[in-house]
Amino acid sequence: QADLRGANLEAAKLNYAWFRGARLVDANLQEAKM
């Protein structure tokens, strides 16, 4: 349920993370490990 609009998650290590109902609109997920 987090609001990550326009957030920069480039190359972030997010393995096993929960984004249930999260807003990642216009977020930068380049090279993110998900």
PDB file of all heavy atoms in Angstrom:
ATOM      1  N   GLN A   1       0.810  -1.237   0.000  1.00  0.00           N
ATOM      2  CA  GLN A   1       0.000   0.000   0.000  1.00  0.00           C
ATOM      3  C   GLN A   1       0.840   1.284   0.000  1.00  0.00           C
ATOM      4  O   GLN A   1       0.316   2.371   0.249  1.00  0.00           O
ATOM      5  CB  GLN A   1      -0.974   0.033   1.203  1.00  0.00           C
ATOM      6  CG  GLN A   1      -1.859  -1.185   1.333  1.00  0.00           C
ATOM      7  CD  GLN A   1      -2.747  -1.389   0.122  1.00  0.00           C
ATOM      8  OE1 GLN A   1      -3.239  -0.437  -0.459  1.00  0.00           O
ATOM      9  NE2 GLN A   1      -2.953  -2.638  -0.265  1.00  0.00           N
ATOM     10  N   ALA A   2       2.140   1.184  -0.250  1.00  0.00           N
ATOM     11  CA  ALA A   2       2.998   2.383  -0.263  1.00  0.00           C
ATOM     12  C   ALA A   2       2.821   3.151  -1.564  1.00  0.00           C
ATOM     13  O   ALA A   2       2.470   2.588  -2.602  1.00  0.00           O
ATOM     14  CB  ALA A   2       4.461   1.987  -0.079  1.00  0.00           C
ATOM     15  N   ASP A   3       3.077   4.451  -1.509  1.00  0.00           N
ATOM     16  CA  ASP A   3       2.977   5.333  -2.673  1.00  0.00           C
ATOM     17  C   ASP A   3       4.399   5.671  -3.128  1.00  0.00           C
ATOM     18  O   ASP A   3       5.097   6.444  -2.476  1.00  0.00           O
ATOM     19  CB  ASP A   3       2.207   6.606  -2.296  1.00  0.00           C
ATOM     20  CG  ASP A   3       1.902   7.480  -3.509  1.00  0.00           C
ATOM     21  OD1 ASP A   3       2.438   7.214  -4.607  1.00  0.00           O
ATOM     22  OD2 ASP A   3       1.123   8.437  -3.348  1.00  0.00           O
ATOM     23  N   LEU A   4       4.832   5.032  -4.227  1.00  0.00           N
ATOM     24  CA  LEU A   4       6.183   5.220  -4.762  1.00  0.00           C
ATOM     25  C   LEU A   4       6.133   5.904  -6.127  1.00  0.00           C
ATOM     26  O   LEU A   4       6.985   5.674  -6.976  1.00  0.00           O
ATOM     27  CB  LEU A   4       6.885   3.862  -4.886  1.00  0.00           C
ATOM     28  CG  LEU A   4       7.203   3.178  -3.558  1.00  0.00           C
ATOM     29  CD1 LEU A   4       6.663   1.767  -3.522  1.00  0.00           C
ATOM     30  CD2 LEU A   4       8.693   3.179  -3.289  1.00  0.00           C
ATOM     31  N   ARG A   5       5.130   6.775  -6.327  1.00  0.00           N
ATOM     32  CA  ARG A   5       5.028   7.478  -7.614  1.00  0.00           C
ATOM     33  C   ARG A   5       6.298   8.265  -7.895  1.00  0.00           C
ATOM     34  O   ARG A   5       6.752   9.058  -7.059  1.00  0.00           O
ATOM     35  CB  ARG A   5       3.831   8.428  -7.614  1.00  0.00           C
ATOM     36  CG  ARG A   5       2.493   7.715  -7.808  1.00  0.00           C
ATOM     37  CD  ARG A   5       1.328   8.661  -7.671  1.00  0.00           C
ATOM     38  NE  ARG A   5       1.300   9.203  -6.307  1.00  0.00           N
ATOM     39  CZ  ARG A   5       0.810  10.393  -5.983  1.00  0.00           C
ATOM     40  NH1 ARG A   5       0.300  11.184  -6.897  1.00  0.00           N
ATOM     41  NH2 ARG A   5       0.823  10.794  -4.732  1.00  0.00           N
ATOM     42  N   GLY A   6       6.884   8.021  -9.079  1.00  0.00           N
ATOM     43  CA  GLY A   6       8.068   8.772  -9.487  1.00  0.00           C
ATOM     44  C   GLY A   6       9.314   8.445  -8.678  1.00  0.00           C
ATOM     45  O   GLY A   6      10.318   9.149  -8.790  1.00  0.00           O
ATOM     46  N   ALA A   7       9.282   7.385  -7.888  1.00  0.00           N
ATOM     47  CA  ALA A   7      10.456   7.023  -7.079  1.00  0.00           C
ATOM     48  C   ALA A   7      11.532   6.410  -7.969  1.00  0.00           C
ATOM     49  O   ALA A   7      11.249   5.824  -9.013  1.00  0.00           O
ATOM     50  CB  ALA A   7      10.067   6.043  -5.979  1.00  0.00           C
ATOM     51  N   ASN A   8      12.776   6.555  -7.550  1.00  0.00           N
ATOM     52  CA  ASN A   8      13.903   5.975  -8.276  1.00  0.00           C
ATOM     53  C   ASN A   8      14.363   4.713  -7.554  1.00  0.00           C
ATOM     54  O   ASN A   8      14.917   4.791  -6.459  1.00  0.00           O
ATOM     55  CB  ASN A   8      15.050   6.993  -8.355  1.00  0.00           C
ATOM     56  CG  ASN A   8      16.250   6.427  -9.110  1.00  0.00           C
ATOM     57  OD1 ASN A   8      16.147   5.433  -9.817  1.00  0.00           O
ATOM     58  ND2 ASN A   8      17.394   7.066  -8.957  1.00  0.00           N
ATOM     59  N   LEU A   9      14.113   3.557  -8.165  1.00  0.00           N
ATOM     60  CA  LEU A   9      14.527   2.268  -7.604  1.00  0.00           C
ATOM     61  C   LEU A   9      15.573   1.615  -8.508  1.00  0.00           C
ATOM     62  O   LEU A   9      15.727   0.398  -8.519  1.00  0.00           O
ATOM     63  CB  LEU A   9      13.313   1.355  -7.456  1.00  0.00           C
ATOM     64  CG  LEU A   9      12.296   1.826  -6.412  1.00  0.00           C
ATOM     65  CD1 LEU A   9      10.879   1.600  -6.863  1.00  0.00           C
ATOM     66  CD2 LEU A   9      12.533   1.148  -5.096  1.00  0.00           C
ATOM     67  N   GLU A  10      16.298   2.447  -9.256  1.00  0.00           N
ATOM     68  CA  GLU A  10      17.271   1.902 -10.188  1.00  0.00           C
ATOM     69  C   GLU A  10      18.308   1.034  -9.476  1.00  0.00           C
ATOM     70  O   GLU A  10      18.895   1.442  -8.473  1.00  0.00           O
ATOM     71  CB  GLU A  10      17.979   3.025 -10.954  1.00  0.00           C
ATOM     72  CG  GLU A  10      18.926   2.489 -12.022  1.00  0.00           C
ATOM     73  CD  GLU A  10      19.425   3.565 -12.981  1.00  0.00           C
ATOM     74  OE1 GLU A  10      18.800   4.638 -13.067  1.00  0.00           O
ATOM     75  OE2 GLU A  10      20.439   3.307 -13.638  1.00  0.00           O
ATOM     76  N   ALA A  11      18.483  -0.183  -9.995  1.00  0.00           N
ATOM     77  CA  ALA A  11      19.467  -1.147  -9.483  1.00  0.00           C
ATOM     78  C   ALA A  11      19.261  -1.503  -8.008  1.00  0.00           C
ATOM     79  O   ALA A  11      20.170  -1.994  -7.351  1.00  0.00           O
ATOM     80  CB  ALA A  11      20.895  -0.649  -9.728  1.00  0.00           C
ATOM     81  N   ALA A  12      18.052  -1.249  -7.490  1.00  0.00           N
ATOM     82  CA  ALA A  12      17.766  -1.633  -6.102  1.00  0.00           C
ATOM     83  C   ALA A  12      17.627  -3.148  -6.019  1.00  0.00           C
ATOM     84  O   ALA A  12      17.176  -3.795  -6.965  1.00  0.00           O
ATOM     85  CB  ALA A  12      16.485  -0.959  -5.618  1.00  0.00           C
ATOM     86  N   LYS A  13      18.019  -3.707  -4.888  1.00  0.00           N
ATOM     87  CA  LYS A  13      17.907  -5.147  -4.666  1.00  0.00           C
ATOM     88  C   LYS A  13      16.643  -5.387  -3.841  1.00  0.00           C
ATOM     89  O   LYS A  13      16.605  -5.091  -2.649  1.00  0.00           O
ATOM     90  CB  LYS A  13      19.154  -5.653  -3.956  1.00  0.00           C
ATOM     91  CG  LYS A  13      20.392  -5.554  -4.841  1.00  0.00           C
ATOM     92  CD  LYS A  13      21.604  -6.203  -4.187  1.00  0.00           C
ATOM     93  CE  LYS A  13      22.754  -6.312  -5.165  1.00  0.00           C
ATOM     94  NZ  LYS A  13      23.601  -5.136  -5.173  1.00  0.00           N
ATOM     95  N   LEU A  14      15.602  -5.882  -4.513  1.00  0.00           N
ATOM     96  CA  LEU A  14      14.269  -5.985  -3.924  1.00  0.00           C
ATOM     97  C   LEU A  14      13.766  -7.426  -3.862  1.00  0.00           C
ATOM     98  O   LEU A  14      12.572  -7.655  -3.733  1.00  0.00           O
ATOM     99  CB  LEU A  14      13.298  -5.133  -4.757  1.00  0.00           C
ATOM    100  CG  LEU A  14      13.613  -3.638  -4.753  1.00  0.00           C
ATOM    101  CD1 LEU A  14      13.057  -2.963  -5.987  1.00  0.00           C
ATOM    102  CD2 LEU A  14      13.065  -2.994  -3.494  1.00  0.00           C
ATOM    103  N   ASN A  15      14.658  -8.394  -3.942  1.00  0.00           N
ATOM    104  CA  ASN A  15      14.219  -9.784  -3.944  1.00  0.00           C
ATOM    105  C   ASN A  15      13.347 -10.089  -2.726  1.00  0.00           C
ATOM    106  O   ASN A  15      13.660  -9.669  -1.612  1.00  0.00           O
ATOM    107  CB  ASN A  15      15.425 -10.728  -3.976  1.00  0.00           C
ATOM    108  CG  ASN A  15      16.232 -10.571  -5.248  1.00  0.00           C
ATOM    109  OD1 ASN A  15      15.743 -10.049  -6.244  1.00  0.00           O
ATOM    110  ND2 ASN A  15      17.474 -11.023  -5.226  1.00  0.00           N
ATOM    111  N   TYR A  16      12.238 -10.792  -2.983  1.00  0.00           N
ATOM    112  CA  TYR A  16      11.270 -11.212  -1.958  1.00  0.00           C
ATOM    113  C   TYR A  16      10.539 -10.042  -1.285  1.00  0.00           C
ATOM    114  O   TYR A  16       9.898 -10.226  -0.247  1.00  0.00           O
ATOM    115  CB  TYR A  16      11.928 -12.103  -0.896  1.00  0.00           C
ATOM    116  CG  TYR A  16      12.613 -13.313  -1.475  1.00  0.00           C
ATOM    117  CD1 TYR A  16      13.986 -13.345  -1.628  1.00  0.00           C
ATOM    118  CD2 TYR A  16      11.865 -14.407  -1.898  1.00  0.00           C
ATOM    119  CE1 TYR A  16      14.618 -14.447  -2.198  1.00  0.00           C
ATOM    120  CE2 TYR A  16      12.486 -15.516  -2.460  1.00  0.00           C
ATOM    121  CZ  TYR A  16      13.858 -15.528  -2.607  1.00  0.00           C
ATOM    122  OH  TYR A  16      14.476 -16.617  -3.157  1.00  0.00           O
ATOM    123  N   ALA A  17      10.632  -8.847  -1.838  1.00  0.00           N
ATOM    124  CA  ALA A  17       9.912  -7.702  -1.256  1.00  0.00           C
ATOM    125  C   ALA A  17       8.423  -7.789  -1.589  1.00  0.00           C
ATOM    126  O   ALA A  17       8.017  -8.456  -2.539  1.00  0.00           O
ATOM    127  CB  ALA A  17      10.483  -6.389  -1.790  1.00  0.00           C
ATOM    128  N   TRP A  18       7.598  -7.120  -0.794  1.00  0.00           N
ATOM    129  CA  TRP A  18       6.154  -7.058  -0.999  1.00  0.00           C
ATOM    130  C   TRP A  18       5.765  -5.657  -1.445  1.00  0.00           C
ATOM    131  O   TRP A  18       6.103  -4.677  -0.772  1.00  0.00           O
ATOM    132  CB  TRP A  18       5.410  -7.400   0.301  1.00  0.00           C
ATOM    133  CG  TRP A  18       5.337  -8.866   0.562  1.00  0.00           C
ATOM    134  CD1 TRP A  18       6.382  -9.725   0.702  1.00  0.00           C
ATOM    135  CD2 TRP A  18       4.152  -9.642   0.704  1.00  0.00           C
ATOM    136  NE1 TRP A  18       5.905 -10.987   0.921  1.00  0.00           N
ATOM    137  CE2 TRP A  18       4.550 -10.975   0.931  1.00  0.00           C
ATOM    138  CE3 TRP A  18       2.793  -9.328   0.665  1.00  0.00           C
ATOM    139  CZ2 TRP A  18       3.640 -11.999   1.118  1.00  0.00           C
ATOM    140  CZ3 TRP A  18       1.882 -10.355   0.855  1.00  0.00           C
ATOM    141  CH2 TRP A  18       2.313 -11.668   1.072  1.00  0.00           C
ATOM    142  N   PHE A  19       5.059  -5.596  -2.592  1.00  0.00           N
ATOM    143  CA  PHE A  19       4.529  -4.336  -3.110  1.00  0.00           C
ATOM    144  C   PHE A  19       3.021  -4.482  -3.293  1.00  0.00           C
ATOM    145  O   PHE A  19       2.445  -3.911  -4.191  1.00  0.00           O
ATOM    146  CB  PHE A  19       5.187  -3.991  -4.450  1.00  0.00           C
ATOM    147  CG  PHE A  19       6.619  -3.545  -4.337  1.00  0.00           C
ATOM    148  CD1 PHE A  19       7.656  -4.459  -4.448  1.00  0.00           C
ATOM    149  CD2 PHE A  19       6.929  -2.218  -4.108  1.00  0.00           C
ATOM    150  CE1 PHE A  19       8.969  -4.052  -4.348  1.00  0.00           C
ATOM    151  CE2 PHE A  19       8.241  -1.796  -4.003  1.00  0.00           C
ATOM    152  CZ  PHE A  19       9.270  -2.720  -4.127  1.00  0.00           C
ATOM    153  N   ARG A  20       2.383  -5.257  -2.438  1.00  0.00           N
ATOM    154  CA  ARG A  20       0.954  -5.526  -2.600  1.00  0.00           C
ATOM    155  C   ARG A  20       0.146  -4.224  -2.511  1.00  0.00           C
ATOM    156  O   ARG A  20       0.203  -3.522  -1.505  1.00  0.00           O
ATOM    157  CB  ARG A  20       0.506  -6.507  -1.521  1.00  0.00           C
ATOM    158  CG  ARG A  20      -0.871  -7.012  -1.768  1.00  0.00           C
ATOM    159  CD  ARG A  20      -1.145  -8.275  -0.985  1.00  0.00           C
ATOM    160  NE  ARG A  20      -2.337  -8.874  -1.536  1.00  0.00           N
ATOM    161  CZ  ARG A  20      -2.648 -10.140  -1.423  1.00  0.00           C
ATOM    162  NH1 ARG A  20      -1.849 -10.954  -0.804  1.00  0.00           N
ATOM    163  NH2 ARG A  20      -3.763 -10.586  -1.937  1.00  0.00           N
ATOM    164  N   GLY A  21      -0.542  -3.892  -3.608  1.00  0.00           N
ATOM    165  CA  GLY A  21      -1.353  -2.678  -3.627  1.00  0.00           C
ATOM    166  C   GLY A  21      -0.542  -1.393  -3.676  1.00  0.00           C
ATOM    167  O   GLY A  21      -1.074  -0.308  -3.487  1.00  0.00           O
ATOM    168  N   ALA A  22       0.757  -1.501  -3.944  1.00  0.00           N
ATOM    169  CA  ALA A  22       1.620  -0.305  -3.979  1.00  0.00           C
ATOM    170  C   ALA A  22       1.459   0.442  -5.300  1.00  0.00           C
ATOM    171  O   ALA A  22       1.099  -0.140  -6.325  1.00  0.00           O
ATOM    172  CB  ALA A  22       3.076  -0.709  -3.787  1.00  0.00           C
ATOM    173  N   ARG A  23       1.729   1.747  -5.258  1.00  0.00           N
ATOM    174  CA  ARG A  23       1.674   2.586  -6.457  1.00  0.00           C
ATOM    175  C   ARG A  23       3.098   2.882  -6.906  1.00  0.00           C
ATOM    176  O   ARG A  23       3.826   3.602  -6.218  1.00  0.00           O
ATOM    177  CB  ARG A  23       0.931   3.890  -6.171  1.00  0.00           C
ATOM    178  CG  ARG A  23      -0.544   3.662  -5.827  1.00  0.00           C
ATOM    179  CD  ARG A  23      -1.260   4.956  -5.579  1.00  0.00           C
ATOM    180  NE  ARG A  23      -1.421   5.696  -6.821  1.00  0.00           N
ATOM    181  CZ  ARG A  23      -1.807   6.962  -6.876  1.00  0.00           C
ATOM    182  NH1 ARG A  23      -2.046   7.643  -5.783  1.00  0.00           N
ATOM    183  NH2 ARG A  23      -1.941   7.571  -8.034  1.00  0.00           N
ATOM    184  N   LEU A  24       3.478   2.293  -8.054  1.00  0.00           N
ATOM    185  CA  LEU A  24       4.812   2.509  -8.623  1.00  0.00           C
ATOM    186  C   LEU A  24       4.686   3.243  -9.950  1.00  0.00           C
ATOM    187  O   LEU A  24       5.502   3.076 -10.854  1.00  0.00           O
ATOM    188  CB  LEU A  24       5.518   1.162  -8.802  1.00  0.00           C
ATOM    189  CG  LEU A  24       5.949   0.498  -7.490  1.00  0.00           C
ATOM    190  CD1 LEU A  24       5.806  -1.011  -7.561  1.00  0.00           C
ATOM    191  CD2 LEU A  24       7.353   0.890  -7.115  1.00  0.00           C
ATOM    192  N   VAL A  25       3.652   4.071 -10.063  1.00  0.00           N
ATOM    193  CA  VAL A  25       3.390   4.824 -11.283  1.00  0.00           C
ATOM    194  C   VAL A  25       4.581   5.730 -11.581  1.00  0.00           C
ATOM    195  O   VAL A  25       5.069   6.456 -10.707  1.00  0.00           O
ATOM    196  CB  VAL A  25       2.092   5.653 -11.142  1.00  0.00           C
ATOM    197  CG1 VAL A  25       1.874   6.541 -12.358  1.00  0.00           C
ATOM    198  CG2 VAL A  25       0.904   4.729 -10.899  1.00  0.00           C
ATOM    199  N   ASP A  26       5.077   5.642 -12.825  1.00  0.00           N
ATOM    200  CA  ASP A  26       6.199   6.470 -13.290  1.00  0.00           C
ATOM    201  C   ASP A  26       7.492   6.240 -12.497  1.00  0.00           C
ATOM    202  O   ASP A  26       8.403   7.077 -12.522  1.00  0.00           O
ATOM    203  CB  ASP A  26       5.842   7.976 -13.271  1.00  0.00           C
ATOM    204  CG  ASP A  26       4.681   8.288 -14.209  1.00  0.00           C
ATOM    205  OD1 ASP A  26       4.562   7.610 -15.251  1.00  0.00           O
ATOM    206  OD2 ASP A  26       3.894   9.197 -13.901  1.00  0.00           O
ATOM    207  N   ALA A  27       7.598   5.127 -11.778  1.00  0.00           N
ATOM    208  CA  ALA A  27       8.820   4.831 -11.022  1.00  0.00           C
ATOM    209  C   ALA A  27       9.916   4.337 -11.968  1.00  0.00           C
ATOM    210  O   ALA A  27       9.641   3.749 -13.009  1.00  0.00           O
ATOM    211  CB  ALA A  27       8.540   3.773  -9.956  1.00  0.00           C
ATOM    212  N   ASN A  28      11.155   4.572 -11.593  1.00  0.00           N
ATOM    213  CA  ASN A  28      12.297   4.076 -12.356  1.00  0.00           C
ATOM    214  C   ASN A  28      12.733   2.748 -11.753  1.00  0.00           C
ATOM    215  O   ASN A  28      13.270   2.708 -10.648  1.00  0.00           O
ATOM    216  CB  ASN A  28      13.446   5.091 -12.308  1.00  0.00           C
ATOM    217  CG  ASN A  28      14.673   4.591 -13.057  1.00  0.00           C
ATOM    218  OD1 ASN A  28      14.646   3.564 -13.730  1.00  0.00           O
ATOM    219  ND2 ASN A  28      15.770   5.326 -12.942  1.00  0.00           N
ATOM    220  N   LEU A  29      12.479   1.654 -12.486  1.00  0.00           N
ATOM    221  CA  LEU A  29      12.833   0.316 -12.019  1.00  0.00           C
ATOM    222  C   LEU A  29      13.983  -0.268 -12.849  1.00  0.00           C
ATOM    223  O   LEU A  29      14.210  -1.474 -12.834  1.00  0.00           O
ATOM    224  CB  LEU A  29      11.613  -0.603 -12.098  1.00  0.00           C
ATOM    225  CG  LEU A  29      10.376  -0.158 -11.324  1.00  0.00           C
ATOM    226  CD1 LEU A  29       9.190  -1.053 -11.627  1.00  0.00           C
ATOM    227  CD2 LEU A  29      10.661  -0.130  -9.836  1.00  0.00           C
ATOM    228  N   GLN A  30      14.706   0.595 -13.552  1.00  0.00           N
ATOM    229  CA  GLN A  30      15.786   0.095 -14.406  1.00  0.00           C
ATOM    230  C   GLN A  30      16.786  -0.727 -13.597  1.00  0.00           C
ATOM    231  O   GLN A  30      17.266  -0.290 -12.549  1.00  0.00           O
ATOM    232  CB  GLN A  30      16.508   1.262 -15.083  1.00  0.00           C
ATOM    233  CG  GLN A  30      17.666   0.803 -15.964  1.00  0.00           C
ATOM    234  CD  GLN A  30      18.206   1.921 -16.834  1.00  0.00           C
ATOM    235  OE1 GLN A  30      17.451   2.660 -17.442  1.00  0.00           O
ATOM    236  NE2 GLN A  30      19.515   2.051 -16.882  1.00  0.00           N
ATOM    237  N   GLU A  31      17.073  -1.929 -14.097  1.00  0.00           N
ATOM    238  CA  GLU A  31      18.038  -2.849 -13.484  1.00  0.00           C
ATOM    239  C   GLU A  31      17.683  -3.267 -12.060  1.00  0.00           C
ATOM    240  O   GLU A  31      18.536  -3.797 -11.337  1.00  0.00           O
ATOM    241  CB  GLU A  31      19.462  -2.268 -13.532  1.00  0.00           C
ATOM    242  CG  GLU A  31      19.993  -2.122 -14.952  1.00  0.00           C
ATOM    243  CD  GLU A  31      21.444  -1.693 -14.996  1.00  0.00           C
ATOM    244  OE1 GLU A  31      22.282  -2.361 -14.369  1.00  0.00           O
ATOM    245  OE2 GLU A  31      21.727  -0.676 -15.659  1.00  0.00           O
ATOM    246  N   ALA A  32      16.452  -3.020 -11.622  1.00  0.00           N
ATOM    247  CA  ALA A  32      16.043  -3.462 -10.276  1.00  0.00           C
ATOM    248  C   ALA A  32      15.968  -4.984 -10.250  1.00  0.00           C
ATOM    249  O   ALA A  32      15.549  -5.613 -11.220  1.00  0.00           O
ATOM    250  CB  ALA A  32      14.690  -2.856  -9.902  1.00  0.00           C
ATOM    251  N   LYS A  33      16.392  -5.561  -9.147  1.00  0.00           N
ATOM    252  CA  LYS A  33      16.332  -7.012  -8.969  1.00  0.00           C
ATOM    253  C   LYS A  33      15.071  -7.317  -8.158  1.00  0.00           C
ATOM    254  O   LYS A  33      15.004  -6.990  -6.970  1.00  0.00           O
ATOM    255  CB  LYS A  33      17.569  -7.522  -8.230  1.00  0.00           C
ATOM    256  CG  LYS A  33      18.898  -7.087  -8.849  1.00  0.00           C
ATOM    257  CD  LYS A  33      19.092  -7.656 -10.259  1.00  0.00           C
ATOM    258  CE  LYS A  33      20.411  -7.219 -10.869  1.00  0.00           C
ATOM    259  NZ  LYS A  33      20.354  -5.953 -11.597  1.00  0.00           N
ATOM    260  N   MET A  34      14.057  -7.904  -8.823  1.00  0.00           N
ATOM    261  CA  MET A  34      12.760  -8.127  -8.186  1.00  0.00           C
ATOM    262  C   MET A  34      12.378  -9.597  -8.244  1.00  0.00           C
ATOM    263  O   MET A  34      11.260  -9.961  -8.572  1.00  0.00           O
ATOM    264  CB  MET A  34      11.711  -7.216  -8.834  1.00  0.00           C
ATOM    265  CG  MET A  34      12.056  -5.750  -8.684  1.00  0.00           C
ATOM    266  SD  MET A  34      10.860  -4.606  -9.411  1.00  0.00           S
ATOM    267  CE  MET A  34       9.727  -4.409  -8.047  1.00  0.00           C
TER     268      MET A  34
END
